[in-house]
Amino acid sequence: MSNFWIYLPVILAFILVIGIVNVAARYSREMRAVRRRINSLGSQVIETACGPVEFARIGEGDPVLVVHGALGGFDQGLFLARSVDVPNSQIISVSRFGFLRSPVPPDATLDTQANAFAALFDALGIRRAAVFAVSAGSTSAIRFAARHPQRVSALVLMGPDAPGETYMALPPRFMSHILFGNDFVYWAMIHCFGKKMQTATGLVPKGFALTREYAALVSNVQTGSLPVSRRMDGWDFETYSCAKEFWASVTPASPYPLSKIETPVLVIMAEDDPISLPANVRALAEQMPNARLYSVADGGHFLFGHAEEVRAEVARFLRDHGVEPQNTTGLG
């Protein structure tokens, strides 16, 4: 028998080991970069009447509270402020319950999350501010405006979560824990099956052709969720623990019905968004007496191709409701 066939198992084992070592080295290198990025953004944790809250505060001028979406944190909020270009203001980007360094307090509810926003304002000496919320962050932002109307001067909701007869299917709880509870599993999934995950999670509408720029943006959003292990408590809380509250929040039976919210609201959506379904978002906007719906024809959850018009619309709306552009530092 040829010596090659004798040593083949050893050769294959060696190749396998080399592959594992390379994967482990790449994972460790990228996770170190993730931690450096988060640490460089300058967040801090402040003790409030509702417990510790993590936030980052950047710029000068009228305050705008930025509330992140699913698998986010204050870092995602800063990214959103840059991409949408919230008018040059004092950006206060918060980590909601269970994300990064904001813990989930005992007996947490949608109401206590809204109260935590008010407590953060108290701790920072802010009487009133505009609020910019995206996707899953919209639910607690709406409740903040409902429970503390005197603290919210204007509310922008981009691709808001909105229940309805049809709603995007969510993974079972155990599957969420497998995918989002372990950093390596999530990292491996986005590297090996990134495009499939983009469609499955609704980040990209089916059939939508991404340009190189947009593909890089979506990839950055996926990697920006790392470390997912430090965001899992928040995902678990908002997706499963608050599910009944979430669905009840947009019904007349809610203790804070949308029809009673007098705050000026700008609701932004895309007609092909697979996450924030257009019919549900319209129904949400129609219930709020001072809401205006701004819809674009396509672009999905990230409003691809409509950045400039969305920026202009947000700036116009906030300016009309008391947020004046100032010189900002730190947003680039």
Protein backbone atom coordinates (compact mmCIF):
# COMPACT_ATOMS: atom_id res chain seq x y z
CA MET A 1 0.00 0.00 0.00
CA SER A 2 1.28 3.46 -0.86
CA ASN A 3 2.63 5.44 2.08
CA PHE A 4 0.33 8.30 1.05
CA TRP A 5 -2.80 6.33 1.96
CA ILE A 6 -1.26 5.31 5.28
CA TYR A 7 -0.58 8.89 6.24
CA LEU A 8 -3.78 10.37 4.76
CA PRO A 9 -5.73 10.29 8.06
CA VAL A 10 -2.85 12.10 9.77
CA ILE A 11 -2.72 14.69 6.98
CA LEU A 12 -6.48 15.28 7.18
CA ALA A 13 -6.34 15.59 10.96
CA PHE A 14 -3.51 18.11 10.63
CA ILE A 15 -5.49 20.16 8.11
CA LEU A 16 -8.51 20.07 10.42
CA VAL A 17 -6.44 21.26 13.37
CA ILE A 18 -4.95 24.07 11.28
CA GLY A 19 -8.45 25.11 10.22
CA ILE A 20 -9.72 25.12 13.81
CA VAL A 21 -6.73 27.16 14.97
CA ASN A 22 -7.26 29.70 12.18
CA VAL A 23 -10.98 30.03 12.95
CA ALA A 24 -10.29 30.42 16.68
CA ALA A 25 -7.62 33.04 15.99
CA ARG A 26 -9.91 35.00 13.69
CA TYR A 27 -12.78 34.85 16.18
CA SER A 28 -10.56 36.04 19.04
CA ARG A 29 -9.13 38.83 16.89
CA GLU A 30 -12.55 40.09 15.78
CA MET A 31 -14.02 39.91 19.30
CA ARG A 32 -11.11 41.95 20.65
CA ALA A 33 -11.87 44.53 17.95
CA VAL A 34 -15.54 44.53 18.98
CA ARG A 35 -14.66 45.18 22.61
CA ARG A 36 -12.23 47.95 21.65
CA ARG A 37 -14.90 49.60 19.50
CA ILE A 38 -17.50 49.59 22.26
CA ASN A 39 -15.03 50.81 24.88
CA SER A 40 -13.92 53.64 22.58
CA LEU A 41 -17.44 55.09 22.34
CA GLY A 42 -17.33 56.52 25.84
CA SER A 43 -20.51 55.22 27.41
CA GLN A 44 -21.09 55.50 31.12
CA VAL A 45 -23.47 53.99 33.65
CA ILE A 46 -25.43 56.36 35.83
CA GLU A 47 -27.48 55.44 38.89
CA THR A 48 -31.08 56.59 38.54
CA ALA A 49 -34.25 56.23 40.56
CA CYS A 50 -35.00 53.21 38.35
CA GLY A 51 -31.57 51.63 38.73
CA PRO A 52 -28.39 51.80 36.65
CA VAL A 53 -28.72 52.96 33.04
CA GLU A 54 -26.00 52.99 30.40
CA PHE A 55 -25.84 55.90 27.98
CA ALA A 56 -23.50 57.89 25.78
CA ARG A 57 -23.84 61.66 25.52
CA ILE A 58 -22.33 63.43 22.51
CA GLY A 59 -22.56 66.93 21.15
CA GLU A 60 -24.11 70.21 22.19
CA GLY A 61 -27.50 71.77 21.66
CA ASP A 62 -31.05 70.59 22.17
CA PRO A 63 -31.16 67.04 23.56
CA VAL A 64 -32.39 64.10 21.47
CA LEU A 65 -32.84 60.72 23.15
CA VAL A 66 -31.97 57.89 20.73
CA VAL A 67 -33.58 54.51 21.47
CA HIS A 68 -32.05 51.51 19.70
CA GLY A 69 -33.69 48.47 18.15
CA ALA A 70 -33.36 44.71 18.67
CA LEU A 71 -29.94 43.30 19.60
CA GLY A 72 -28.71 46.86 19.99
CA GLY A 73 -27.46 49.10 22.73
CA PHE A 74 -26.15 52.64 23.06
CA ASP A 75 -23.62 51.81 20.33
CA GLN A 76 -26.36 51.02 17.81
CA GLY A 77 -28.06 54.27 18.81
CA LEU A 78 -24.94 56.27 17.99
CA PHE A 79 -24.72 54.48 14.63
CA LEU A 80 -28.33 55.42 13.90
CA ALA A 81 -27.74 59.03 14.86
CA ARG A 82 -24.88 59.15 12.37
CA SER A 83 -26.64 57.37 9.53
CA VAL A 84 -29.91 59.30 9.77
CA ASP A 85 -28.09 62.47 10.78
CA VAL A 86 -30.37 63.57 13.59
CA PRO A 87 -29.95 67.36 13.46
CA ASN A 88 -26.71 68.51 15.04
CA SER A 89 -27.82 68.24 18.62
CA GLN A 90 -26.93 66.75 21.95
CA ILE A 91 -27.33 63.04 21.28
CA ILE A 92 -28.18 60.88 24.28
CA SER A 93 -28.02 57.25 23.23
CA VAL A 94 -29.34 54.83 25.82
CA SER A 95 -29.02 51.08 26.31
CA ARG A 96 -32.46 49.67 27.09
CA PHE A 97 -33.07 47.04 29.78
CA GLY A 98 -30.85 44.00 29.27
CA PHE A 99 -28.56 45.48 26.64
CA LEU A 100 -24.84 45.84 27.36
CA ARG A 101 -24.48 47.49 30.79
CA SER A 102 -28.15 48.29 31.48
CA PRO A 103 -29.47 45.39 33.57
CA VAL A 104 -33.04 44.11 33.56
CA PRO A 105 -34.44 45.13 36.95
CA PRO A 106 -36.69 42.83 38.97
CA ASP A 107 -40.31 42.89 37.77
CA ALA A 108 -39.36 44.92 34.68
CA THR A 109 -42.21 45.93 32.38
CA LEU A 110 -42.80 48.26 29.46
CA ASP A 111 -43.90 50.87 32.00
CA THR A 112 -40.73 50.60 34.07
CA GLN A 113 -38.61 50.92 30.92
CA ALA A 114 -40.45 54.15 30.10
CA ASN A 115 -39.95 55.31 33.68
CA ALA A 116 -36.23 54.58 33.33
CA PHE A 117 -36.02 57.04 30.43
CA ALA A 118 -37.61 59.71 32.63
CA ALA A 119 -35.26 58.82 35.48
CA LEU A 120 -32.29 59.19 33.11
CA PHE A 121 -33.54 62.66 32.19
CA ASP A 122 -33.78 63.52 35.89
CA ALA A 123 -30.25 62.28 36.54
CA LEU A 124 -28.89 64.29 33.60
CA GLY A 125 -30.85 67.43 34.45
CA ILE A 126 -32.93 67.30 31.27
CA ARG A 127 -36.46 68.62 31.53
CA ARG A 128 -37.70 67.77 28.04
CA ALA A 129 -36.29 66.30 24.82
CA ALA A 130 -37.14 64.93 21.42
CA VAL A 131 -37.01 61.15 21.09
CA PHE A 132 -35.79 59.21 18.04
CA ALA A 133 -36.58 55.48 18.17
CA VAL A 134 -36.10 52.71 15.66
CA SER A 135 -37.72 49.31 15.24
CA ALA A 136 -38.08 47.47 18.58
CA GLY A 137 -37.13 50.63 20.46
CA SER A 138 -40.33 52.31 19.31
CA THR A 139 -42.54 50.42 21.76
CA SER A 140 -40.85 51.78 24.89
CA ALA A 141 -40.49 55.23 23.27
CA ILE A 142 -44.23 55.37 22.63
CA ARG A 143 -44.93 54.32 26.21
CA PHE A 144 -42.50 57.01 27.41
CA ALA A 145 -44.48 59.65 25.51
CA ALA A 146 -47.73 58.23 26.92
CA ARG A 147 -46.63 58.04 30.57
CA HIS A 148 -44.46 61.15 30.61
CA PRO A 149 -45.89 63.49 27.94
CA GLN A 150 -44.33 66.54 29.56
CA ARG A 151 -40.85 65.08 28.97
CA VAL A 152 -41.19 64.42 25.20
CA SER A 153 -41.31 67.39 22.82
CA ALA A 154 -41.45 65.31 19.62
CA LEU A 155 -41.23 61.65 18.69
CA VAL A 156 -39.67 60.10 15.58
CA LEU A 157 -40.40 56.41 14.94
CA MET A 158 -38.42 54.78 12.13
CA GLY A 159 -39.60 51.33 11.05
CA PRO A 160 -41.52 50.92 14.31
CA ASP A 161 -42.65 47.61 15.71
CA ALA A 162 -46.39 47.41 15.20
CA PRO A 163 -48.53 44.34 15.91
CA GLY A 164 -51.35 43.37 13.59
CA GLU A 165 -53.24 40.43 12.14
CA THR A 166 -50.06 39.52 10.26
CA TYR A 167 -46.72 39.87 11.97
CA MET A 168 -43.18 38.76 11.26
CA ALA A 169 -42.63 35.28 12.72
CA LEU A 170 -40.15 35.15 15.58
CA PRO A 171 -37.98 32.15 16.46
CA PRO A 172 -38.97 29.95 19.40
CA ARG A 173 -37.37 31.03 22.66
CA PHE A 174 -34.98 28.07 22.81
CA MET A 175 -33.78 28.81 19.27
CA SER A 176 -33.15 32.44 20.17
CA HIS A 177 -30.99 31.31 23.05
CA ILE A 178 -28.98 29.08 20.72
CA LEU A 179 -28.47 31.77 18.06
CA PHE A 180 -28.14 34.86 20.24
CA GLY A 181 -26.96 33.48 23.55
CA ASN A 182 -23.50 32.46 22.42
CA ASP A 183 -21.07 34.84 20.76
CA PHE A 184 -19.20 32.17 18.81
CA VAL A 185 -22.36 30.57 17.41
CA TYR A 186 -23.70 33.94 16.27
CA TRP A 187 -20.31 34.94 14.85
CA ALA A 188 -20.06 31.68 12.92
CA MET A 189 -23.61 32.03 11.60
CA ILE A 190 -23.12 35.53 10.19
CA HIS A 191 -19.81 34.52 8.61
CA CYS A 192 -21.03 31.24 7.11
CA PHE A 193 -24.68 32.07 6.41
CA GLY A 194 -24.69 35.87 6.48
CA LYS A 195 -26.84 36.41 3.39
CA LYS A 196 -29.40 33.81 4.40
CA MET A 197 -29.63 35.36 7.87
CA GLN A 198 -30.12 38.81 6.35
CA THR A 199 -33.22 37.60 4.53
CA ALA A 200 -34.48 35.34 7.32
CA THR A 201 -34.29 38.13 9.91
CA GLY A 202 -35.83 40.72 7.58
CA LEU A 203 -32.77 42.92 7.30
CA VAL A 204 -33.04 42.73 3.51
CA PRO A 205 -36.35 42.32 1.62
CA LYS A 206 -36.53 39.19 -0.54
CA GLY A 207 -35.33 39.90 -4.05
CA PHE A 208 -33.81 43.26 -3.13
CA ALA A 209 -30.45 43.73 -4.91
CA LEU A 210 -27.91 45.17 -2.50
CA THR A 211 -25.20 47.45 -3.81
CA ARG A 212 -21.72 46.99 -2.42
CA GLU A 213 -22.32 49.95 -0.10
CA TYR A 214 -25.60 48.57 1.22
CA ALA A 215 -24.16 45.07 1.61
CA ALA A 216 -21.37 46.52 3.76
CA LEU A 217 -23.95 48.42 5.83
CA VAL A 218 -25.99 45.28 6.55
CA SER A 219 -22.84 43.32 7.35
CA ASN A 220 -21.80 46.06 9.78
CA VAL A 221 -25.20 45.89 11.44
CA GLN A 222 -24.86 42.14 11.88
CA THR A 223 -21.37 42.33 13.36
CA GLY A 224 -22.47 45.36 15.37
CA SER A 225 -24.71 43.07 17.41
CA LEU A 226 -21.64 41.40 18.88
CA PRO A 227 -21.23 40.53 21.64
CA VAL A 228 -24.76 39.14 21.47
CA SER A 229 -24.28 37.45 24.85
CA ARG A 230 -24.38 40.94 26.43
CA ARG A 231 -27.60 41.77 24.59
CA MET A 232 -29.47 38.51 25.06
CA ASP A 233 -31.20 39.55 28.29
CA GLY A 234 -32.67 42.54 26.47
CA TRP A 235 -33.81 40.47 23.49
CA ASP A 236 -35.37 37.92 25.84
CA PHE A 237 -37.13 40.62 27.86
CA GLU A 238 -38.61 42.56 24.94
CA THR A 239 -39.44 39.58 22.72
CA TYR A 240 -40.88 37.11 25.20
CA SER A 241 -41.38 38.61 28.66
CA CYS A 242 -43.10 41.74 27.28
CA ALA A 243 -44.94 40.03 24.44
CA LYS A 244 -48.44 40.48 25.89
CA GLU A 245 -47.71 44.08 26.87
CA PHE A 246 -46.38 44.75 23.37
CA TRP A 247 -49.48 43.43 21.64
CA ALA A 248 -51.80 45.23 24.05
CA SER A 249 -49.88 48.50 23.69
CA VAL A 250 -51.54 49.41 20.39
CA THR A 251 -55.10 48.42 21.28
CA PRO A 252 -57.82 50.63 22.75
CA ALA A 253 -57.67 48.39 25.85
CA SER A 254 -54.17 49.64 26.65
CA PRO A 255 -53.89 51.66 29.86
CA TYR A 256 -52.17 54.23 27.64
CA PRO A 257 -54.15 54.19 24.36
CA LEU A 258 -52.41 55.70 21.37
CA SER A 259 -55.40 57.95 20.76
CA LYS A 260 -54.50 59.86 23.94
CA ILE A 261 -50.92 60.67 22.89
CA GLU A 262 -50.82 64.34 22.00
CA THR A 263 -47.08 64.47 21.26
CA PRO A 264 -46.19 65.35 17.64
CA VAL A 265 -45.05 62.11 15.98
CA LEU A 266 -43.28 61.39 12.70
CA VAL A 267 -43.62 57.76 11.58
CA ILE A 268 -41.24 56.62 8.82
CA MET A 269 -41.61 53.37 6.92
CA ALA A 270 -40.86 51.56 3.66
CA GLU A 271 -43.59 49.84 1.67
CA ASP A 272 -41.51 46.67 1.35
CA ASP A 273 -40.30 46.40 4.95
CA PRO A 274 -40.55 42.72 5.99
CA ILE A 275 -40.16 43.58 9.71
CA SER A 276 -42.37 46.64 10.18
CA LEU A 277 -45.24 45.57 7.96
CA PRO A 278 -46.81 48.60 6.19
CA ALA A 279 -50.43 47.81 7.13
CA ASN A 280 -49.51 47.54 10.79
CA VAL A 281 -47.43 50.72 10.76
CA ARG A 282 -50.25 52.66 9.09
CA ALA A 283 -52.69 51.44 11.72
CA LEU A 284 -50.25 52.52 14.42
CA ALA A 285 -49.85 56.01 12.96
CA GLU A 286 -53.57 56.48 12.39
CA GLN A 287 -54.33 56.00 16.08
CA MET A 288 -52.12 58.88 17.23
CA PRO A 289 -53.91 62.21 16.67
CA ASN A 290 -50.76 64.24 15.98
CA ALA A 291 -48.86 61.65 13.95
CA ARG A 292 -47.73 62.06 10.37
CA LEU A 293 -46.75 59.10 8.22
CA TYR A 294 -43.81 59.41 5.83
CA SER A 295 -43.58 56.43 3.49
CA VAL A 296 -41.00 55.49 0.86
CA ALA A 297 -41.65 53.01 -1.92
CA ASP A 298 -38.87 50.56 -1.17
CA GLY A 299 -35.61 50.06 0.68
CA GLY A 300 -36.75 47.73 3.45
CA HIS A 301 -36.08 48.20 7.13
CA PHE A 302 -32.98 50.31 6.42
CA LEU A 303 -34.72 52.52 3.86
CA PHE A 304 -31.99 51.83 1.30
CA GLY A 305 -31.78 54.52 -1.35
CA HIS A 306 -33.75 57.08 0.62
CA ALA A 307 -31.17 58.31 3.13
CA GLU A 308 -31.09 61.92 1.97
CA GLU A 309 -34.84 62.45 1.89
CA VAL A 310 -35.28 60.73 5.25
CA ARG A 311 -32.56 62.88 6.80
CA ALA A 312 -34.23 66.00 5.45
CA GLU A 313 -37.64 64.91 6.72
CA VAL A 314 -36.35 64.13 10.23
CA ALA A 315 -34.46 67.43 10.37
CA ARG A 316 -37.52 69.37 9.21
CA PHE A 317 -39.79 67.66 11.70
CA LEU A 318 -37.51 68.17 14.68
CA ARG A 319 -36.79 71.75 13.71
CA ASP A 320 -40.53 72.43 13.48
CA HIS A 321 -40.88 71.12 17.01
CA GLY A 322 -38.12 72.99 18.73
CA VAL A 323 -34.90 71.15 17.95
CA GLU A 324 -32.54 73.64 16.33
CA PRO A 325 -29.33 72.56 14.58
CA GLN A 326 -26.19 73.33 16.56
CA ASN A 327 -22.51 72.59 16.08
CA THR A 328 -21.88 69.00 17.14
CA THR A 329 -18.67 67.28 18.06
CA GLY A 330 -18.04 63.57 17.92
CA LEU A 331 -20.52 62.44 15.31
CA GLY A 332 -18.19 62.80 12.34
